[in-house]
Amino acid sequence: MTGLPQTFNDFLTFQEVIIEIEHPIRLYCRYIDRIHMFFRFTAEEARDLIQRCLTEHPDPNNENIVDYNDKNVGHVLHAWS
């Protein structure tokens, strides 16, 4: 997103549209000493990421799961804290 050190990209833009479409990072923001990133994954990529995370950090009782009601779609989204 930021481009090469010699030629920076404009704010929140990629160098080429094809890179922007294929890249999983959709938005990022740096605030003092923190970085916030928003990613977009396919359903298969999301399942793989969740499985890898739970393999490294097992949660047998689902104690860390957080439910979010998605009013637009009408179902519950799950996230791990």
PDB file of N, CA and C in Angstrom:
ATOM      1  N   MET A   1       0.810  -1.198   0.000  1.00  0.00           N
ATOM      2  CA  MET A   1       0.000   0.000   0.000  1.00  0.00           C
ATOM      3  C   MET A   1       0.850   1.257   0.000  1.00  0.00           C
ATOM      4  N   THR A   2       1.937   1.229   0.704  1.00  0.00           N
ATOM      5  CA  THR A   2       2.719   2.451   0.829  1.00  0.00           C
ATOM      6  C   THR A   2       3.595   2.711  -0.374  1.00  0.00           C
ATOM      7  N   GLY A   3       3.936   1.677  -1.117  1.00  0.00           N
ATOM      8  CA  GLY A   3       4.782   1.860  -2.287  1.00  0.00           C
ATOM      9  C   GLY A   3       6.254   1.782  -1.937  1.00  0.00           C
ATOM     10  N   LEU A   4       7.069   2.057  -2.910  1.00  0.00           N
ATOM     11  CA  LEU A   4       8.512   2.033  -2.722  1.00  0.00           C
ATOM     12  C   LEU A   4       8.967   3.262  -1.946  1.00  0.00           C
ATOM     13  N   PRO A   5      10.107   3.174  -1.261  1.00  0.00           N
ATOM     14  CA  PRO A   5      10.596   4.347  -0.519  1.00  0.00           C
ATOM     15  C   PRO A   5      10.840   5.557  -1.419  1.00  0.00           C
ATOM     16  N   GLN A   6      11.209   5.315  -2.672  1.00  0.00           N
ATOM     17  CA  GLN A   6      11.490   6.420  -3.589  1.00  0.00           C
ATOM     18  C   GLN A   6      10.213   7.037  -4.168  1.00  0.00           C
ATOM     19  N   THR A   7       9.165   6.228  -4.319  1.00  0.00           N
ATOM     20  CA  THR A   7       7.904   6.714  -4.898  1.00  0.00           C
ATOM     21  C   THR A   7       6.733   6.224  -4.054  1.00  0.00           C
ATOM     22  N   PHE A   8       6.309   7.036  -3.123  1.00  0.00           N
ATOM     23  CA  PHE A   8       5.194   6.663  -2.258  1.00  0.00           C
ATOM     24  C   PHE A   8       3.888   6.664  -3.044  1.00  0.00           C
ATOM     25  N   ASN A   9       2.971   5.788  -2.637  1.00  0.00           N
ATOM     26  CA  ASN A   9       1.620   5.801  -3.195  1.00  0.00           C
ATOM     27  C   ASN A   9       0.803   6.863  -2.478  1.00  0.00           C
ATOM     28  N   ASP A  10      -0.278   7.297  -3.110  1.00  0.00           N
ATOM     29  CA  ASP A  10      -1.198   8.205  -2.442  1.00  0.00           C
ATOM     30  C   ASP A  10      -1.825   7.495  -1.243  1.00  0.00           C
ATOM     31  N   PHE A  11      -2.406   8.265  -0.340  1.00  0.00           N
ATOM     32  CA  PHE A  11      -2.991   7.726   0.884  1.00  0.00           C
ATOM     33  C   PHE A  11      -4.027   6.655   0.571  1.00  0.00           C
ATOM     34  N   LEU A  12      -3.869   5.479   1.184  1.00  0.00           N
ATOM     35  CA  LEU A  12      -4.778   4.332   1.055  1.00  0.00           C
ATOM     36  C   LEU A  12      -4.985   3.876  -0.385  1.00  0.00           C
ATOM     37  N   THR A  13      -3.972   3.974  -1.210  1.00  0.00           N
ATOM     38  CA  THR A  13      -4.072   3.490  -2.581  1.00  0.00           C
ATOM     39  C   THR A  13      -2.924   2.544  -2.883  1.00  0.00           C
ATOM     40  N   PHE A  14      -3.135   1.676  -3.847  1.00  0.00           N
ATOM     41  CA  PHE A  14      -2.109   0.772  -4.324  1.00  0.00           C
ATOM     42  C   PHE A  14      -1.512   1.336  -5.601  1.00  0.00           C
ATOM     43  N   GLN A  15      -0.378   0.761  -6.002  1.00  0.00           N
ATOM     44  CA  GLN A  15       0.289   1.227  -7.207  1.00  0.00           C
ATOM     45  C   GLN A  15      -0.534   0.898  -8.450  1.00  0.00           C
ATOM     46  N   GLU A  16      -1.158  -0.293  -8.465  1.00  0.00           N
ATOM     47  CA  GLU A  16      -1.964  -0.725  -9.606  1.00  0.00           C
ATOM     48  C   GLU A  16      -3.283  -1.309  -9.107  1.00  0.00           C
ATOM     49  N   VAL A  17      -4.316  -1.229  -9.935  1.00  0.00           N
ATOM     50  CA  VAL A  17      -5.638  -1.735  -9.557  1.00  0.00           C
ATOM     51  C   VAL A  17      -5.602  -3.245  -9.369  1.00  0.00           C
ATOM     52  N   ILE A  18      -4.872  -3.967 -10.208  1.00  0.00           N
ATOM     53  CA  ILE A  18      -4.815  -5.427 -10.102  1.00  0.00           C
ATOM     54  C   ILE A  18      -4.242  -5.862  -8.758  1.00  0.00           C
ATOM     55  N   ILE A  19      -3.254  -5.134  -8.251  1.00  0.00           N
ATOM     56  CA  ILE A  19      -2.686  -5.440  -6.936  1.00  0.00           C
ATOM     57  C   ILE A  19      -3.726  -5.162  -5.854  1.00  0.00           C
ATOM     58  N   GLU A  20      -4.454  -4.085  -5.987  1.00  0.00           N
ATOM     59  CA  GLU A  20      -5.485  -3.725  -5.006  1.00  0.00           C
ATOM     60  C   GLU A  20      -6.574  -4.789  -4.930  1.00  0.00           C
ATOM     61  N   ILE A  21      -6.977  -5.325  -6.068  1.00  0.00           N
ATOM     62  CA  ILE A  21      -8.035  -6.334  -6.103  1.00  0.00           C
ATOM     63  C   ILE A  21      -7.571  -7.641  -5.476  1.00  0.00           C
ATOM     64  N   GLU A  22      -6.321  -8.033  -5.733  1.00  0.00           N
ATOM     65  CA  GLU A  22      -5.819  -9.322  -5.268  1.00  0.00           C
ATOM     66  C   GLU A  22      -5.305  -9.294  -3.833  1.00  0.00           C
ATOM     67  N   HIS A  23      -4.977  -8.143  -3.291  1.00  0.00           N
ATOM     68  CA  HIS A  23      -4.355  -8.051  -1.971  1.00  0.00           C
ATOM     69  C   HIS A  23      -5.388  -8.206  -0.861  1.00  0.00           C
ATOM     70  N   PRO A  24      -5.091  -9.001   0.196  1.00  0.00           N
ATOM     71  CA  PRO A  24      -6.081  -9.197   1.266  1.00  0.00           C
ATOM     72  C   PRO A  24      -6.263  -7.981   2.173  1.00  0.00           C
ATOM     73  N   ILE A  25      -5.275  -7.084   2.249  1.00  0.00           N
ATOM     74  CA  ILE A  25      -5.418  -5.907   3.107  1.00  0.00           C
ATOM     75  C   ILE A  25      -6.326  -4.899   2.409  1.00  0.00           C
ATOM     76  N   ARG A  26      -7.403  -4.512   3.061  1.00  0.00           N
ATOM     77  CA  ARG A  26      -8.349  -3.565   2.481  1.00  0.00           C
ATOM     78  C   ARG A  26      -8.178  -2.164   3.044  1.00  0.00           C
ATOM     79  N   LEU A  27      -7.697  -2.072   4.265  1.00  0.00           N
ATOM     80  CA  LEU A  27      -7.547  -0.768   4.892  1.00  0.00           C
ATOM     81  C   LEU A  27      -6.550  -0.902   6.028  1.00  0.00           C
ATOM     82  N   TYR A  28      -5.738   0.102   6.197  1.00  0.00           N
ATOM     83  CA  TYR A  28      -4.856   0.118   7.356  1.00  0.00           C
ATOM     84  C   TYR A  28      -4.724   1.541   7.855  1.00  0.00           C
ATOM     85  N   CYS A  29      -4.396   1.649   9.125  1.00  0.00           N
ATOM     86  CA  CYS A  29      -4.237   2.959   9.737  1.00  0.00           C
ATOM     87  C   CYS A  29      -3.196   2.848  10.839  1.00  0.00           C
ATOM     88  N   ARG A  30      -2.257   3.756  10.846  1.00  0.00           N
ATOM     89  CA  ARG A  30      -1.275   3.798  11.928  1.00  0.00           C
ATOM     90  C   ARG A  30      -1.613   4.985  12.811  1.00  0.00           C
ATOM     91  N   TYR A  31      -1.732   4.728  14.106  1.00  0.00           N
ATOM     92  CA  TYR A  31      -2.026   5.785  15.063  1.00  0.00           C
ATOM     93  C   TYR A  31      -0.997   5.697  16.178  1.00  0.00           C
ATOM     94  N   ILE A  32      -0.081   6.621  16.198  1.00  0.00           N
ATOM     95  CA  ILE A  32       1.023   6.705  17.153  1.00  0.00           C
ATOM     96  C   ILE A  32       1.807   5.391  17.156  1.00  0.00           C
ATOM     97  N   ASP A  33       1.548   4.490  18.103  1.00  0.00           N
ATOM     98  CA  ASP A  33       2.327   3.258  18.186  1.00  0.00           C
ATOM     99  C   ASP A  33       1.491   2.012  17.892  1.00  0.00           C
ATOM    100  N   ARG A  34       0.352   2.175  17.241  1.00  0.00           N
ATOM    101  CA  ARG A  34      -0.516   1.044  16.910  1.00  0.00           C
ATOM    102  C   ARG A  34      -0.830   1.034  15.420  1.00  0.00           C
ATOM    103  N   ILE A  35      -1.032  -0.166  14.910  1.00  0.00           N
ATOM    104  CA  ILE A  35      -1.434  -0.333  13.514  1.00  0.00           C
ATOM    105  C   ILE A  35      -2.740  -1.117  13.509  1.00  0.00           C
ATOM    106  N   HIS A  36      -3.731  -0.616  12.789  1.00  0.00           N
ATOM    107  CA  HIS A  36      -5.011  -1.295  12.627  1.00  0.00           C
ATOM    108  C   HIS A  36      -5.132  -1.691  11.163  1.00  0.00           C
ATOM    109  N   MET A  37      -5.471  -2.976  10.915  1.00  0.00           N
ATOM    110  CA  MET A  37      -5.617  -3.466   9.545  1.00  0.00           C
ATOM    111  C   MET A  37      -6.948  -4.184   9.396  1.00  0.00           C
ATOM    112  N   PHE A  38      -7.566  -3.999   8.251  1.00  0.00           N
ATOM    113  CA  PHE A  38      -8.768  -4.727   7.882  1.00  0.00           C
ATOM    114  C   PHE A  38      -8.418  -5.615   6.705  1.00  0.00           C
ATOM    115  N   PHE A  39      -8.733  -6.913   6.844  1.00  0.00           N
ATOM    116  CA  PHE A  39      -8.426  -7.886   5.809  1.00  0.00           C
ATOM    117  C   PHE A  39      -9.720  -8.399   5.182  1.00  0.00           C
ATOM    118  N   ARG A  40      -9.587  -8.906   3.971  1.00  0.00           N
ATOM    119  CA  ARG A  40     -10.704  -9.588   3.320  1.00  0.00           C
ATOM    120  C   ARG A  40     -10.201 -10.956   2.888  1.00  0.00           C
ATOM    121  N   PHE A  41     -10.893 -11.997   3.332  1.00  0.00           N
ATOM    122  CA  PHE A  41     -10.525 -13.360   2.996  1.00  0.00           C
ATOM    123  C   PHE A  41     -11.708 -14.056   2.335  1.00  0.00           C
ATOM    124  N   THR A  42     -11.407 -15.072   1.539  1.00  0.00           N
ATOM    125  CA  THR A  42     -12.467 -15.943   1.038  1.00  0.00           C
ATOM    126  C   THR A  42     -12.920 -16.818   2.199  1.00  0.00           C
ATOM    127  N   ALA A  43     -14.038 -17.502   2.038  1.00  0.00           N
ATOM    128  CA  ALA A  43     -14.541 -18.374   3.102  1.00  0.00           C
ATOM    129  C   ALA A  43     -13.527 -19.467   3.419  1.00  0.00           C
ATOM    130  N   GLU A  44     -12.898 -20.009   2.397  1.00  0.00           N
ATOM    131  CA  GLU A  44     -11.898 -21.061   2.603  1.00  0.00           C
ATOM    132  C   GLU A  44     -10.676 -20.522   3.347  1.00  0.00           C
ATOM    133  N   GLU A  45     -10.202 -19.344   2.974  1.00  0.00           N
ATOM    134  CA  GLU A  45      -9.065 -18.731   3.660  1.00  0.00           C
ATOM    135  C   GLU A  45      -9.399 -18.429   5.121  1.00  0.00           C
ATOM    136  N   ALA A  46     -10.623 -17.969   5.377  1.00  0.00           N
ATOM    137  CA  ALA A  46     -11.039 -17.665   6.750  1.00  0.00           C
ATOM    138  C   ALA A  46     -11.090 -18.931   7.595  1.00  0.00           C
ATOM    139  N   ARG A  47     -11.661 -20.019   7.043  1.00  0.00           N
ATOM    140  CA  ARG A  47     -11.702 -21.286   7.774  1.00  0.00           C
ATOM    141  C   ARG A  47     -10.294 -21.783   8.084  1.00  0.00           C
ATOM    142  N   ASP A  48      -9.393 -21.676   7.096  1.00  0.00           N
ATOM    143  CA  ASP A  48      -8.013 -22.114   7.294  1.00  0.00           C
ATOM    144  C   ASP A  48      -7.330 -21.283   8.377  1.00  0.00           C
ATOM    145  N   LEU A  49      -7.532 -19.981   8.350  1.00  0.00           N
ATOM    146  CA  LEU A  49      -6.926 -19.096   9.348  1.00  0.00           C
ATOM    147  C   LEU A  49      -7.442 -19.403  10.754  1.00  0.00           C
ATOM    148  N   ILE A  50      -8.752 -19.615  10.881  1.00  0.00           N
ATOM    149  CA  ILE A  50      -9.341 -19.956  12.179  1.00  0.00           C
ATOM    150  C   ILE A  50      -8.805 -21.294  12.670  1.00  0.00           C
ATOM    151  N   GLN A  51      -8.724 -22.272  11.766  1.00  0.00           N
ATOM    152  CA  GLN A  51      -8.222 -23.593  12.151  1.00  0.00           C
ATOM    153  C   GLN A  51      -6.773 -23.527  12.606  1.00  0.00           C
ATOM    154  N   ARG A  52      -5.953 -22.775  11.893  1.00  0.00           N
ATOM    155  CA  ARG A  52      -4.548 -22.632  12.281  1.00  0.00           C
ATOM    156  C   ARG A  52      -4.418 -21.929  13.631  1.00  0.00           C
ATOM    157  N   CYS A  53      -5.244 -20.916  13.856  1.00  0.00           N
ATOM    158  CA  CYS A  53      -5.220 -20.197  15.135  1.00  0.00           C
ATOM    159  C   CYS A  53      -5.630 -21.115  16.279  1.00  0.00           C
ATOM    160  N   LEU A  54      -6.700 -21.898  16.080  1.00  0.00           N
ATOM    161  CA  LEU A  54      -7.164 -22.801  17.130  1.00  0.00           C
ATOM    162  C   LEU A  54      -6.207 -23.966  17.346  1.00  0.00           C
ATOM    163  N   THR A  55      -5.442 -24.339  16.322  1.00  0.00           N
ATOM    164  CA  THR A  55      -4.424 -25.372  16.493  1.00  0.00           C
ATOM    165  C   THR A  55      -3.309 -24.865  17.396  1.00  0.00           C
ATOM    166  N   GLU A  56      -2.902 -23.626  17.184  1.00  0.00           N
ATOM    167  CA  GLU A  56      -1.839 -23.025  18.000  1.00  0.00           C
ATOM    168  C   GLU A  56      -2.323 -22.655  19.405  1.00  0.00           C
ATOM    169  N   HIS A  57      -3.583 -22.230  19.519  1.00  0.00           N
ATOM    170  CA  HIS A  57      -4.149 -21.779  20.797  1.00  0.00           C
ATOM    171  C   HIS A  57      -5.514 -22.446  20.989  1.00  0.00           C
ATOM    172  N   PRO A  58      -5.519 -23.701  21.447  1.00  0.00           N
ATOM    173  CA  PRO A  58      -6.794 -24.431  21.579  1.00  0.00           C
ATOM    174  C   PRO A  58      -7.772 -23.725  22.527  1.00  0.00           C
ATOM    175  N   ASP A  59      -9.044 -23.805  22.181  1.00  0.00           N
ATOM    176  CA  ASP A  59     -10.117 -23.227  22.991  1.00  0.00           C
ATOM    177  C   ASP A  59     -11.257 -24.253  23.038  1.00  0.00           C
ATOM    178  N   PRO A  60     -11.071 -25.352  23.805  1.00  0.00           N
ATOM    179  CA  PRO A  60     -12.036 -26.458  23.762  1.00  0.00           C
ATOM    180  C   PRO A  60     -13.439 -26.082  24.225  1.00  0.00           C
ATOM    181  N   ASN A  61     -13.574 -25.090  25.085  1.00  0.00           N
ATOM    182  CA  ASN A  61     -14.892 -24.703  25.604  1.00  0.00           C
ATOM    183  C   ASN A  61     -15.460 -23.471  24.910  1.00  0.00           C
ATOM    184  N   ASN A  62     -14.804 -23.009  23.856  1.00  0.00           N
ATOM    185  CA  ASN A  62     -15.229 -21.808  23.122  1.00  0.00           C
ATOM    186  C   ASN A  62     -15.411 -20.611  24.053  1.00  0.00           C
ATOM    187  N   GLU A  63     -14.483 -20.448  24.985  1.00  0.00           N
ATOM    188  CA  GLU A  63     -14.578 -19.353  25.947  1.00  0.00           C
ATOM    189  C   GLU A  63     -14.217 -18.003  25.343  1.00  0.00           C
ATOM    190  N   ASN A  64     -13.438 -18.009  24.284  1.00  0.00           N
ATOM    191  CA  ASN A  64     -12.977 -16.749  23.698  1.00  0.00           C
ATOM    192  C   ASN A  64     -13.793 -16.307  22.489  1.00  0.00           C
ATOM    193  N   ILE A  65     -14.850 -17.017  22.180  1.00  0.00           N
ATOM    194  CA  ILE A  65     -15.651 -16.656  21.011  1.00  0.00           C
ATOM    195  C   ILE A  65     -16.601 -15.514  21.373  1.00  0.00           C
ATOM    196  N   VAL A  66     -16.761 -14.598  20.455  1.00  0.00           N
ATOM    197  CA  VAL A  66     -17.653 -13.456  20.635  1.00  0.00           C
ATOM    198  C   VAL A  66     -18.616 -13.448  19.456  1.00  0.00           C
ATOM    199  N   ASP A  67     -19.906 -13.337  19.720  1.00  0.00           N
ATOM    200  CA  ASP A  67     -20.911 -13.304  18.657  1.00  0.00           C
ATOM    201  C   ASP A  67     -21.326 -11.872  18.358  1.00  0.00           C
ATOM    202  N   TYR A  68     -21.469 -11.588  17.079  1.00  0.00           N
ATOM    203  CA  TYR A  68     -21.960 -10.295  16.622  1.00  0.00           C
ATOM    204  C   TYR A  68     -23.176 -10.542  15.744  1.00  0.00           C
ATOM    205  N   ASN A  69     -24.297  -9.932  16.067  1.00  0.00           N
ATOM    206  CA  ASN A  69     -25.476 -10.054  15.219  1.00  0.00           C
ATOM    207  C   ASN A  69     -25.293  -9.185  13.991  1.00  0.00           C
ATOM    208  N   ASP A  70     -25.421  -9.794  12.835  1.00  0.00           N
ATOM    209  CA  ASP A  70     -25.297  -9.076  11.576  1.00  0.00           C
ATOM    210  C   ASP A  70     -26.704  -8.762  11.081  1.00  0.00           C
ATOM    211  N   LYS A  71     -27.142  -7.542  11.287  1.00  0.00           N
ATOM    212  CA  LYS A  71     -28.506  -7.154  10.940  1.00  0.00           C
ATOM    213  C   LYS A  71     -28.734  -7.149   9.431  1.00  0.00           C
ATOM    214  N   ASN A  72     -27.680  -6.900   8.653  1.00  0.00           N
ATOM    215  CA  ASN A  72     -27.833  -6.835   7.200  1.00  0.00           C
ATOM    216  C   ASN A  72     -28.049  -8.210   6.589  1.00  0.00           C
ATOM    217  N   VAL A  73     -27.396  -9.223   7.129  1.00  0.00           N
ATOM    218  CA  VAL A  73     -27.481 -10.556   6.550  1.00  0.00           C
ATOM    219  C   VAL A  73     -28.465 -11.431   7.311  1.00  0.00           C
ATOM    220  N   GLY A  74     -28.688 -11.135   8.582  1.00  0.00           N
ATOM    221  CA  GLY A  74     -29.645 -11.892   9.360  1.00  0.00           C
ATOM    222  C   GLY A  74     -29.062 -13.118  10.039  1.00  0.00           C
ATOM    223  N   HIS A  75     -27.753 -13.173  10.216  1.00  0.00           N
ATOM    224  CA  HIS A  75     -27.163 -14.285  10.956  1.00  0.00           C
ATOM    225  C   HIS A  75     -26.069 -13.767  11.878  1.00  0.00           C
ATOM    226  N   VAL A  76     -25.513 -14.666  12.677  1.00  0.00           N
ATOM    227  CA  VAL A  76     -24.525 -14.284  13.685  1.00  0.00           C
ATOM    228  C   VAL A  76     -23.122 -14.490  13.132  1.00  0.00           C
ATOM    229  N   LEU A  77     -22.285 -13.485  13.284  1.00  0.00           N
ATOM    230  CA  LEU A  77     -20.878 -13.594  12.915  1.00  0.00           C
ATOM    231  C   LEU A  77     -20.086 -13.936  14.166  1.00  0.00           C
ATOM    232  N   HIS A  78     -19.051 -14.745  14.014  1.00  0.00           N
ATOM    233  CA  HIS A  78     -18.232 -15.147  15.149  1.00  0.00           C
ATOM    234  C   HIS A  78     -16.847 -14.539  15.022  1.00  0.00           C
ATOM    235  N   ALA A  79     -16.282 -14.143  16.140  1.00  0.00           N
ATOM    236  CA  ALA A  79     -14.911 -13.636  16.183  1.00  0.00           C
ATOM    237  C   ALA A  79     -14.279 -14.127  17.471  1.00  0.00           C
ATOM    238  N   TRP A  80     -12.972 -14.285  17.422  1.00  0.00           N
ATOM    239  CA  TRP A  80     -12.250 -14.718  18.618  1.00  0.00           C
ATOM    240  C   TRP A  80     -11.518 -13.539  19.192  1.00  0.00           C
ATOM    241  N   SER A  81     -11.603 -13.392  20.516  1.00  0.00           N
ATOM    242  CA  SER A  81     -10.927 -12.277  21.168  1.00  0.00           C
ATOM    243  C   SER A  81      -9.553 -12.695  21.626  1.00  0.00           C
TER     244      SER A  81
END
